[in-house]
Amino acid sequence: MFRSALSLACAGLALLATPALAEPARNLGITVAPLGAYVLQGDAEGAPTVGYSAGLGWAYRKPGAVLEVGGHLASSRHLTEVTPMSVRVVPLGDTRVRPFLGVGASLLVPHSRPQSVAPDTLGSRVLQLGFELCGGVGVELGENLFLSAEARYQNFSARGSPFSGERQSLRSTFLGLGMHL
């Protein structure tokens, strides 16, 4: 009798859990942002560099969580910058409109170097390390699509050392369309 009751309870739990298991969790969001603009200040030339950029972003968040892990890659004619991982706070959780704030570590690769840089410091300008503060909002458009707007502030070393006193800042904004996978 106990075995049959236990078997029936397990079968009932399996039937109740089946719809939840059949529905795929859409925890990963990929964003393509073809509309981006940036301002780079503090480079060796002194004048701010302004340009357009395109990017690819990603975010992973479990349903109901207020923290997510994300990152992005953006490139323009003058530079490529990447934040492989940032930690973001999503205070409203699973809502149609999801604002977020985040912080992460960034890398910057300039595509062109000024001619005035001495040959011995040329190698130190290839990869610059820094940090990122970001904020944005995602708006659900349907079951799998969302609209994303993001603003970033990044601060990089102008020399090889990430703790160098010579700094440059990159401010950028992006608008894109995303998809839950």
N, C-alpha and C. Protein backbone atom coordinates (compact mmCIF):
# COMPACT_ATOMS: atom_id res chain seq x y z
N MET A 1 0.82 -1.18 0.00
CA MET A 1 0.00 0.00 0.00
C MET A 1 0.88 1.27 0.00
N PHE A 2 1.91 1.30 0.85
CA PHE A 2 2.79 2.45 0.94
C PHE A 2 3.53 2.66 -0.38
N ARG A 3 3.96 1.53 -1.02
CA ARG A 3 4.68 1.64 -2.28
C ARG A 3 3.78 2.19 -3.37
N SER A 4 2.53 1.78 -3.44
CA SER A 4 1.62 2.28 -4.47
C SER A 4 1.31 3.76 -4.25
N ALA A 5 1.18 4.18 -3.00
CA ALA A 5 0.93 5.60 -2.70
C ALA A 5 2.16 6.44 -3.07
N LEU A 6 3.35 5.91 -2.79
CA LEU A 6 4.58 6.60 -3.14
C LEU A 6 4.72 6.69 -4.66
N SER A 7 4.39 5.61 -5.36
CA SER A 7 4.45 5.61 -6.83
C SER A 7 3.48 6.62 -7.41
N LEU A 8 2.25 6.68 -6.88
CA LEU A 8 1.26 7.65 -7.35
C LEU A 8 1.71 9.08 -7.08
N ALA A 9 2.32 9.33 -5.93
CA ALA A 9 2.80 10.68 -5.60
C ALA A 9 3.92 11.10 -6.55
N CYS A 10 4.83 10.18 -6.84
CA CYS A 10 5.93 10.48 -7.77
C CYS A 10 5.39 10.73 -9.18
N ALA A 11 4.42 9.94 -9.61
CA ALA A 11 3.82 10.13 -10.94
C ALA A 11 3.09 11.47 -11.00
N GLY A 12 2.40 11.85 -9.93
CA GLY A 12 1.72 13.15 -9.90
C GLY A 12 2.69 14.31 -9.96
N LEU A 13 3.80 14.20 -9.23
CA LEU A 13 4.82 15.24 -9.28
C LEU A 13 5.43 15.33 -10.67
N ALA A 14 5.65 14.19 -11.30
CA ALA A 14 6.21 14.20 -12.65
C ALA A 14 5.25 14.86 -13.63
N LEU A 15 3.96 14.61 -13.50
CA LEU A 15 2.98 15.24 -14.38
C LEU A 15 2.91 16.75 -14.16
N LEU A 16 3.01 17.17 -12.90
CA LEU A 16 2.98 18.61 -12.60
C LEU A 16 4.25 19.31 -13.09
N ALA A 17 5.37 18.63 -13.02
CA ALA A 17 6.64 19.24 -13.42
C ALA A 17 6.86 19.23 -14.92
N THR A 18 6.18 18.37 -15.65
CA THR A 18 6.39 18.25 -17.09
C THR A 18 6.15 19.55 -17.84
N PRO A 19 5.06 20.31 -17.61
CA PRO A 19 4.91 21.57 -18.35
C PRO A 19 6.03 22.56 -18.05
N ALA A 20 6.51 22.60 -16.83
CA ALA A 20 7.60 23.53 -16.49
C ALA A 20 8.89 23.11 -17.18
N LEU A 21 9.13 21.81 -17.31
CA LEU A 21 10.34 21.35 -17.97
C LEU A 21 10.25 21.51 -19.48
N ALA A 22 9.06 21.41 -20.04
CA ALA A 22 8.89 21.51 -21.48
C ALA A 22 9.08 22.95 -21.96
N GLU A 23 8.80 23.91 -21.10
CA GLU A 23 8.95 25.32 -21.47
C GLU A 23 10.40 25.73 -21.29
N PRO A 24 11.11 26.09 -22.37
CA PRO A 24 12.53 26.41 -22.24
C PRO A 24 12.75 27.73 -21.49
N ALA A 25 13.77 27.72 -20.65
CA ALA A 25 14.13 28.95 -19.94
C ALA A 25 14.91 29.85 -20.89
N ARG A 26 14.53 31.09 -20.98
CA ARG A 26 15.18 32.04 -21.88
C ARG A 26 16.02 32.98 -21.02
N ASN A 27 17.17 32.48 -20.61
CA ASN A 27 18.03 33.22 -19.69
C ASN A 27 19.08 34.07 -20.39
N LEU A 28 19.41 33.74 -21.64
CA LEU A 28 20.46 34.45 -22.35
C LEU A 28 19.85 35.40 -23.36
N GLY A 29 20.25 36.66 -23.29
CA GLY A 29 19.80 37.67 -24.24
C GLY A 29 20.96 38.17 -25.07
N ILE A 30 20.80 38.18 -26.38
CA ILE A 30 21.81 38.68 -27.31
C ILE A 30 21.26 39.94 -27.96
N THR A 31 22.04 41.02 -27.98
CA THR A 31 21.59 42.30 -28.54
C THR A 31 22.53 42.72 -29.66
N VAL A 32 21.94 43.08 -30.79
CA VAL A 32 22.69 43.68 -31.89
C VAL A 32 22.35 45.16 -31.88
N ALA A 33 23.37 45.99 -31.73
CA ALA A 33 23.18 47.44 -31.62
C ALA A 33 23.88 48.14 -32.78
N PRO A 34 23.18 48.34 -33.90
CA PRO A 34 23.82 49.00 -35.04
C PRO A 34 23.92 50.52 -34.88
N LEU A 35 23.18 51.08 -33.92
CA LEU A 35 23.19 52.53 -33.71
C LEU A 35 23.93 52.85 -32.43
N GLY A 36 25.15 53.36 -32.58
CA GLY A 36 25.95 53.73 -31.42
C GLY A 36 26.77 54.96 -31.72
N ALA A 37 27.04 55.72 -30.69
CA ALA A 37 27.87 56.92 -30.81
C ALA A 37 28.79 56.98 -29.60
N TYR A 38 29.98 57.57 -29.79
CA TYR A 38 30.92 57.65 -28.68
C TYR A 38 31.70 58.96 -28.73
N VAL A 39 32.26 59.32 -27.57
CA VAL A 39 33.18 60.45 -27.42
C VAL A 39 34.35 59.94 -26.59
N LEU A 40 35.56 60.01 -27.17
CA LEU A 40 36.78 59.61 -26.48
C LEU A 40 37.56 60.87 -26.13
N GLN A 41 37.84 61.06 -24.85
CA GLN A 41 38.59 62.23 -24.38
C GLN A 41 39.84 61.79 -23.67
N GLY A 42 40.89 62.62 -23.78
CA GLY A 42 42.12 62.35 -23.06
C GLY A 42 43.13 61.55 -23.85
N ASP A 43 42.94 61.41 -25.16
CA ASP A 43 43.93 60.69 -25.95
C ASP A 43 45.14 61.59 -26.20
N ALA A 44 46.15 61.08 -26.86
CA ALA A 44 47.41 61.81 -27.03
C ALA A 44 47.25 63.07 -27.87
N GLU A 45 46.25 63.13 -28.73
CA GLU A 45 46.07 64.30 -29.59
C GLU A 45 45.42 65.47 -28.85
N GLY A 46 44.79 65.22 -27.72
CA GLY A 46 44.20 66.29 -26.93
C GLY A 46 42.75 66.60 -27.26
N ALA A 47 42.39 66.63 -28.51
CA ALA A 47 41.01 66.93 -28.90
C ALA A 47 40.15 65.67 -28.76
N PRO A 48 38.88 65.83 -28.36
CA PRO A 48 38.01 64.65 -28.26
C PRO A 48 37.78 64.01 -29.63
N THR A 49 37.72 62.70 -29.64
CA THR A 49 37.41 61.94 -30.85
C THR A 49 35.95 61.53 -30.76
N VAL A 50 35.17 61.86 -31.78
CA VAL A 50 33.74 61.56 -31.81
C VAL A 50 33.49 60.65 -33.00
N GLY A 51 32.61 59.67 -32.83
CA GLY A 51 32.32 58.78 -33.95
C GLY A 51 31.11 57.92 -33.72
N TYR A 52 30.81 57.12 -34.73
CA TYR A 52 29.71 56.17 -34.68
C TYR A 52 30.28 54.78 -34.48
N SER A 53 29.50 53.93 -33.83
CA SER A 53 29.97 52.61 -33.50
C SER A 53 28.81 51.62 -33.61
N ALA A 54 29.13 50.36 -33.75
CA ALA A 54 28.15 49.29 -33.72
C ALA A 54 28.60 48.29 -32.68
N GLY A 55 27.66 47.56 -32.11
CA GLY A 55 28.04 46.66 -31.04
C GLY A 55 27.21 45.39 -30.98
N LEU A 56 27.71 44.47 -30.20
CA LEU A 56 27.05 43.21 -29.91
C LEU A 56 27.11 43.03 -28.41
N GLY A 57 25.98 42.79 -27.77
CA GLY A 57 25.93 42.64 -26.33
C GLY A 57 25.29 41.33 -25.91
N TRP A 58 25.54 40.93 -24.68
CA TRP A 58 24.93 39.73 -24.15
C TRP A 58 24.68 39.92 -22.66
N ALA A 59 23.68 39.19 -22.17
CA ALA A 59 23.34 39.22 -20.75
C ALA A 59 22.75 37.88 -20.36
N TYR A 60 23.10 37.39 -19.20
CA TYR A 60 22.58 36.14 -18.67
C TYR A 60 21.97 36.42 -17.31
N ARG A 61 20.71 36.04 -17.15
CA ARG A 61 20.02 36.26 -15.88
C ARG A 61 19.00 35.15 -15.68
N LYS A 62 18.97 34.61 -14.48
CA LYS A 62 17.96 33.61 -14.15
C LYS A 62 16.64 34.32 -13.89
N PRO A 63 15.52 33.69 -14.23
CA PRO A 63 14.22 34.32 -13.97
C PRO A 63 14.05 34.64 -12.48
N GLY A 64 13.56 35.83 -12.22
CA GLY A 64 13.32 36.28 -10.85
C GLY A 64 14.54 36.88 -10.16
N ALA A 65 15.71 36.79 -10.75
CA ALA A 65 16.93 37.30 -10.12
C ALA A 65 17.05 38.80 -10.34
N VAL A 66 17.71 39.48 -9.42
CA VAL A 66 17.94 40.92 -9.56
C VAL A 66 19.37 41.22 -10.00
N LEU A 67 20.19 40.19 -10.18
CA LEU A 67 21.55 40.35 -10.69
C LEU A 67 21.66 39.60 -12.01
N GLU A 68 22.44 40.16 -12.94
CA GLU A 68 22.74 39.49 -14.18
C GLU A 68 24.20 39.71 -14.52
N VAL A 69 24.72 38.87 -15.39
CA VAL A 69 26.08 38.99 -15.89
C VAL A 69 25.96 39.33 -17.37
N GLY A 70 26.67 40.34 -17.80
CA GLY A 70 26.58 40.75 -19.20
C GLY A 70 27.93 41.19 -19.73
N GLY A 71 27.92 41.65 -20.95
CA GLY A 71 29.12 42.15 -21.58
C GLY A 71 28.80 42.66 -22.97
N HIS A 72 29.81 43.17 -23.65
CA HIS A 72 29.58 43.68 -25.00
C HIS A 72 30.90 43.79 -25.75
N LEU A 73 30.77 43.94 -27.05
CA LEU A 73 31.87 44.21 -27.95
C LEU A 73 31.39 45.30 -28.89
N ALA A 74 32.13 46.39 -29.01
CA ALA A 74 31.75 47.49 -29.89
C ALA A 74 32.97 47.92 -30.69
N SER A 75 32.73 48.27 -31.95
CA SER A 75 33.84 48.66 -32.81
C SER A 75 33.43 49.82 -33.70
N SER A 76 34.42 50.64 -34.01
CA SER A 76 34.23 51.77 -34.91
C SER A 76 35.47 51.88 -35.78
N ARG A 77 35.53 52.92 -36.55
CA ARG A 77 36.69 53.15 -37.42
C ARG A 77 37.97 53.41 -36.60
N HIS A 78 37.82 54.01 -35.42
CA HIS A 78 38.98 54.42 -34.63
C HIS A 78 39.37 53.46 -33.52
N LEU A 79 38.43 52.66 -33.01
CA LEU A 79 38.73 51.85 -31.85
C LEU A 79 37.80 50.65 -31.74
N THR A 80 38.25 49.67 -30.98
CA THR A 80 37.41 48.53 -30.57
C THR A 80 37.50 48.44 -29.07
N GLU A 81 36.36 48.30 -28.43
CA GLU A 81 36.35 48.16 -26.98
C GLU A 81 35.45 46.98 -26.61
N VAL A 82 35.87 46.29 -25.56
CA VAL A 82 35.13 45.11 -25.13
C VAL A 82 35.10 45.06 -23.61
N THR A 83 33.96 44.68 -23.10
CA THR A 83 33.80 44.37 -21.69
C THR A 83 33.36 42.92 -21.62
N PRO A 84 34.29 42.01 -21.36
CA PRO A 84 33.93 40.60 -21.38
C PRO A 84 32.90 40.22 -20.32
N MET A 85 32.94 40.91 -19.17
CA MET A 85 31.98 40.59 -18.13
C MET A 85 31.73 41.81 -17.25
N SER A 86 30.46 42.09 -17.05
CA SER A 86 30.06 43.10 -16.09
C SER A 86 28.94 42.52 -15.23
N VAL A 87 28.86 42.99 -14.02
CA VAL A 87 27.80 42.57 -13.11
C VAL A 87 26.79 43.69 -13.08
N ARG A 88 25.52 43.34 -13.31
CA ARG A 88 24.46 44.35 -13.40
C ARG A 88 23.37 44.08 -12.39
N VAL A 89 22.82 45.14 -11.85
CA VAL A 89 21.68 45.06 -10.94
C VAL A 89 20.44 45.41 -11.74
N VAL A 90 19.44 44.52 -11.70
CA VAL A 90 18.16 44.72 -12.38
C VAL A 90 17.12 44.81 -11.27
N PRO A 91 16.86 46.01 -10.73
CA PRO A 91 16.05 46.13 -9.52
C PRO A 91 14.59 45.70 -9.68
N LEU A 92 14.03 45.78 -10.87
CA LEU A 92 12.62 45.44 -11.04
C LEU A 92 12.39 43.97 -11.38
N GLY A 93 13.44 43.22 -11.60
CA GLY A 93 13.29 41.79 -11.89
C GLY A 93 12.62 41.53 -13.22
N ASP A 94 11.69 40.58 -13.23
CA ASP A 94 11.01 40.15 -14.46
C ASP A 94 9.82 41.04 -14.78
N THR A 95 10.08 42.19 -15.36
CA THR A 95 9.01 43.10 -15.77
C THR A 95 9.17 43.39 -17.26
N ARG A 96 8.18 43.99 -17.84
CA ARG A 96 8.24 44.32 -19.28
C ARG A 96 9.33 45.36 -19.56
N VAL A 97 9.50 46.30 -18.66
CA VAL A 97 10.54 47.33 -18.76
C VAL A 97 11.56 47.04 -17.65
N ARG A 98 12.81 46.76 -18.04
CA ARG A 98 13.84 46.35 -17.09
C ARG A 98 15.04 47.30 -17.12
N PRO A 99 15.10 48.28 -16.25
CA PRO A 99 16.31 49.12 -16.16
C PRO A 99 17.41 48.36 -15.43
N PHE A 100 18.66 48.74 -15.70
CA PHE A 100 19.78 48.09 -15.02
C PHE A 100 20.92 49.09 -14.84
N LEU A 101 21.77 48.79 -13.86
CA LEU A 101 23.03 49.50 -13.60
C LEU A 101 24.11 48.45 -13.43
N GLY A 102 25.31 48.72 -13.97
CA GLY A 102 26.35 47.71 -13.86
C GLY A 102 27.74 48.29 -13.80
N VAL A 103 28.69 47.40 -13.48
CA VAL A 103 30.10 47.74 -13.40
C VAL A 103 30.90 46.54 -13.94
N GLY A 104 32.01 46.84 -14.64
CA GLY A 104 32.82 45.76 -15.20
C GLY A 104 34.20 46.24 -15.58
N ALA A 105 35.01 45.31 -16.05
CA ALA A 105 36.36 45.61 -16.52
C ALA A 105 36.34 45.66 -18.04
N SER A 106 37.06 46.63 -18.63
CA SER A 106 37.04 46.85 -20.08
C SER A 106 38.43 46.84 -20.67
N LEU A 107 38.47 46.56 -21.97
CA LEU A 107 39.69 46.61 -22.76
C LEU A 107 39.44 47.51 -23.96
N LEU A 108 40.44 48.29 -24.35
CA LEU A 108 40.33 49.20 -25.48
C LEU A 108 41.53 48.96 -26.40
N VAL A 109 41.25 48.83 -27.69
CA VAL A 109 42.29 48.69 -28.70
C VAL A 109 42.09 49.81 -29.71
N PRO A 110 42.99 50.81 -29.75
CA PRO A 110 42.88 51.85 -30.76
C PRO A 110 43.35 51.30 -32.11
N HIS A 111 42.65 51.66 -33.18
CA HIS A 111 43.02 51.19 -34.51
C HIS A 111 44.12 52.03 -35.14
N SER A 112 44.22 53.27 -34.74
CA SER A 112 45.27 54.13 -35.28
C SER A 112 45.97 54.81 -34.12
N ARG A 113 47.27 54.95 -34.24
CA ARG A 113 48.06 55.58 -33.19
C ARG A 113 48.61 56.90 -33.69
N PRO A 114 48.71 57.89 -32.85
CA PRO A 114 49.27 59.16 -33.28
C PRO A 114 50.75 59.01 -33.65
N GLN A 115 51.21 59.80 -34.59
CA GLN A 115 52.59 59.73 -35.05
C GLN A 115 53.58 60.26 -34.01
N SER A 116 53.11 61.07 -33.05
CA SER A 116 54.01 61.68 -32.08
C SER A 116 54.44 60.72 -30.97
N VAL A 117 53.86 59.53 -30.93
CA VAL A 117 54.21 58.58 -29.87
C VAL A 117 55.59 58.01 -30.15
N ALA A 118 56.43 58.00 -29.12
CA ALA A 118 57.80 57.47 -29.27
C ALA A 118 57.75 55.97 -29.56
N PRO A 119 58.73 55.45 -30.33
CA PRO A 119 58.71 54.03 -30.69
C PRO A 119 58.71 53.08 -29.50
N ASP A 120 59.37 53.45 -28.39
CA ASP A 120 59.42 52.54 -27.25
C ASP A 120 58.08 52.46 -26.52
N THR A 121 57.20 53.43 -26.67
CA THR A 121 55.90 53.38 -26.01
C THR A 121 54.81 52.91 -26.96
N LEU A 122 55.16 52.64 -28.19
CA LEU A 122 54.17 52.23 -29.17
C LEU A 122 53.47 50.94 -28.76
N GLY A 123 54.22 49.97 -28.24
CA GLY A 123 53.63 48.70 -27.84
C GLY A 123 52.66 48.85 -26.68
N SER A 124 52.88 49.82 -25.81
CA SER A 124 52.01 49.99 -24.66
C SER A 124 50.65 50.58 -25.05
N ARG A 125 50.52 51.11 -26.27
CA ARG A 125 49.26 51.70 -26.69
C ARG A 125 48.35 50.69 -27.38
N VAL A 126 48.81 49.44 -27.54
CA VAL A 126 48.02 48.47 -28.27
C VAL A 126 46.79 48.05 -27.47
N LEU A 127 46.95 47.72 -26.21
CA LEU A 127 45.84 47.25 -25.38
C LEU A 127 45.79 48.08 -24.12
N GLN A 128 44.67 48.73 -23.89
CA GLN A 128 44.52 49.57 -22.71
C GLN A 128 43.45 48.97 -21.81
N LEU A 129 43.72 48.96 -20.51
CA LEU A 129 42.82 48.38 -19.53
C LEU A 129 42.08 49.47 -18.78
N GLY A 130 40.84 49.16 -18.36
CA GLY A 130 40.08 50.14 -17.61
C GLY A 130 38.85 49.53 -16.98
N PHE A 131 37.95 50.39 -16.54
CA PHE A 131 36.70 49.92 -15.93
C PHE A 131 35.53 50.58 -16.64
N GLU A 132 34.35 50.02 -16.40
CA GLU A 132 33.13 50.50 -17.04
C GLU A 132 32.02 50.66 -16.02
N LEU A 133 31.27 51.73 -16.16
CA LEU A 133 30.00 51.92 -15.48
C LEU A 133 28.95 51.99 -16.58
N CYS A 134 27.89 51.22 -16.45
CA CYS A 134 26.87 51.21 -17.50
C CYS A 134 25.48 51.27 -16.89
N GLY A 135 24.56 51.74 -17.69
CA GLY A 135 23.16 51.79 -17.31
C GLY A 135 22.32 51.70 -18.56
N GLY A 136 21.16 51.15 -18.43
CA GLY A 136 20.31 51.03 -19.60
C GLY A 136 18.95 50.51 -19.24
N VAL A 137 18.20 50.23 -20.29
CA VAL A 137 16.85 49.71 -20.10
C VAL A 137 16.54 48.75 -21.25
N GLY A 138 15.85 47.68 -20.92
CA GLY A 138 15.36 46.74 -21.92
C GLY A 138 13.84 46.76 -21.89
N VAL A 139 13.22 46.78 -23.06
CA VAL A 139 11.76 46.80 -23.14
C VAL A 139 11.33 45.59 -23.96
N GLU A 140 10.56 44.71 -23.35
CA GLU A 140 10.08 43.50 -24.03
C GLU A 140 9.10 43.89 -25.14
N LEU A 141 9.34 43.39 -26.35
CA LEU A 141 8.46 43.66 -27.48
C LEU A 141 7.55 42.48 -27.78
N GLY A 142 7.91 41.34 -27.33
CA GLY A 142 7.14 40.12 -27.57
C GLY A 142 7.72 39.01 -26.72
N GLU A 143 7.43 37.77 -27.13
CA GLU A 143 7.90 36.63 -26.35
C GLU A 143 9.41 36.50 -26.36
N ASN A 144 10.05 36.76 -27.50
CA ASN A 144 11.49 36.56 -27.61
C ASN A 144 12.28 37.81 -27.95
N LEU A 145 11.63 38.91 -28.34
CA LEU A 145 12.33 40.12 -28.78
C LEU A 145 12.25 41.22 -27.73
N PHE A 146 13.31 42.03 -27.69
CA PHE A 146 13.31 43.19 -26.80
C PHE A 146 14.12 44.30 -27.43
N LEU A 147 13.79 45.52 -27.05
CA LEU A 147 14.51 46.71 -27.47
C LEU A 147 15.45 47.08 -26.33
N SER A 148 16.68 47.49 -26.66
CA SER A 148 17.66 47.78 -25.63
C SER A 148 18.30 49.14 -25.89
N ALA A 149 18.42 49.94 -24.85
CA ALA A 149 19.13 51.22 -24.89
C ALA A 149 20.13 51.20 -23.74
N GLU A 150 21.38 51.58 -24.04
CA GLU A 150 22.43 51.50 -23.02
C GLU A 150 23.38 52.68 -23.14
N ALA A 151 23.82 53.18 -22.01
CA ALA A 151 24.82 54.23 -21.95
C ALA A 151 25.98 53.70 -21.10
N ARG A 152 27.21 54.02 -21.53
CA ARG A 152 28.39 53.53 -20.83
C ARG A 152 29.38 54.66 -20.60
N TYR A 153 30.05 54.57 -19.46
CA TYR A 153 31.20 55.42 -19.18
C TYR A 153 32.35 54.47 -18.90
N GLN A 154 33.44 54.62 -19.65
CA GLN A 154 34.61 53.78 -19.46
C GLN A 154 35.82 54.68 -19.27
N ASN A 155 36.72 54.26 -18.39
CA ASN A 155 37.93 55.00 -18.09
C ASN A 155 39.11 54.05 -18.29
N PHE A 156 40.03 54.43 -19.17
CA PHE A 156 41.16 53.58 -19.52
C PHE A 156 42.48 54.26 -19.20
N SER A 157 43.51 53.44 -18.97
CA SER A 157 44.84 53.99 -18.83
C SER A 157 45.33 54.39 -20.22
N ALA A 158 46.06 55.47 -20.31
CA ALA A 158 46.62 55.90 -21.59
C ALA A 158 47.98 55.27 -21.82
N ARG A 159 48.49 54.56 -20.83
CA ARG A 159 49.78 53.86 -20.93
C ARG A 159 49.55 52.37 -20.67
N GLY A 160 50.62 51.61 -20.59
CA GLY A 160 50.52 50.17 -20.40
C GLY A 160 49.98 49.76 -19.04
N SER A 161 50.30 50.53 -18.00
CA SER A 161 49.86 50.17 -16.65
C SER A 161 48.40 50.58 -16.44
N PRO A 162 47.56 49.69 -15.91
CA PRO A 162 46.17 50.06 -15.65
C PRO A 162 46.04 51.11 -14.55
N PHE A 163 47.09 51.32 -13.75
CA PHE A 163 47.05 52.30 -12.68
C PHE A 163 47.77 53.59 -13.04
N SER A 164 48.04 53.78 -14.31
CA SER A 164 48.71 54.98 -14.79
C SER A 164 47.88 56.22 -14.48
N GLY A 165 48.57 57.32 -14.18
CA GLY A 165 47.88 58.58 -13.93
C GLY A 165 47.32 59.21 -15.19
N GLU A 166 47.87 58.85 -16.34
CA GLU A 166 47.35 59.35 -17.61
C GLU A 166 46.14 58.51 -18.00
N ARG A 167 44.97 59.13 -17.99
CA ARG A 167 43.72 58.41 -18.23
C ARG A 167 43.00 59.01 -19.43
N GLN A 168 42.15 58.22 -20.03
CA GLN A 168 41.25 58.70 -21.07
C GLN A 168 39.88 58.10 -20.82
N SER A 169 38.85 58.85 -21.14
CA SER A 169 37.49 58.38 -20.89
C SER A 169 36.76 58.19 -22.21
N LEU A 170 35.87 57.22 -22.21
CA LEU A 170 35.05 56.90 -23.37
C LEU A 170 33.60 56.89 -22.90
N ARG A 171 32.81 57.77 -23.48
CA ARG A 171 31.36 57.79 -23.20
C ARG A 171 30.66 57.34 -24.47
N SER A 172 29.71 56.41 -24.33
CA SER A 172 29.03 55.89 -25.51
C SER A 172 27.58 55.55 -25.19
N THR A 173 26.77 55.57 -26.23
CA THR A 173 25.36 55.18 -26.13
C THR A 173 25.05 54.25 -27.28
N PHE A 174 24.16 53.30 -27.05
CA PHE A 174 23.79 52.32 -28.06
C PHE A 174 22.30 52.05 -28.01
N LEU A 175 21.73 51.81 -29.17
CA LEU A 175 20.33 51.41 -29.29
C LEU A 175 20.31 50.16 -30.16
N GLY A 176 19.64 49.12 -29.68
CA GLY A 176 19.67 47.87 -30.42
C GLY A 176 18.43 47.01 -30.21
N LEU A 177 18.39 45.93 -30.94
CA LEU A 177 17.31 44.97 -30.87
C LEU A 177 17.89 43.66 -30.35
N GLY A 178 17.23 43.05 -29.39
CA GLY A 178 17.73 41.84 -28.78
C GLY A 178 16.78 40.67 -28.92
N MET A 179 17.33 39.48 -28.63
CA MET A 179 16.56 38.25 -28.73
C MET A 179 16.94 37.34 -27.58
N HIS A 180 15.93 36.73 -26.93
CA HIS A 180 16.18 35.77 -25.86
C HIS A 180 16.45 34.41 -26.49
N LEU A 181 17.50 33.76 -26.05
CA LEU A 181 17.83 32.42 -26.53
C LEU A 181 17.60 31.40 -25.45
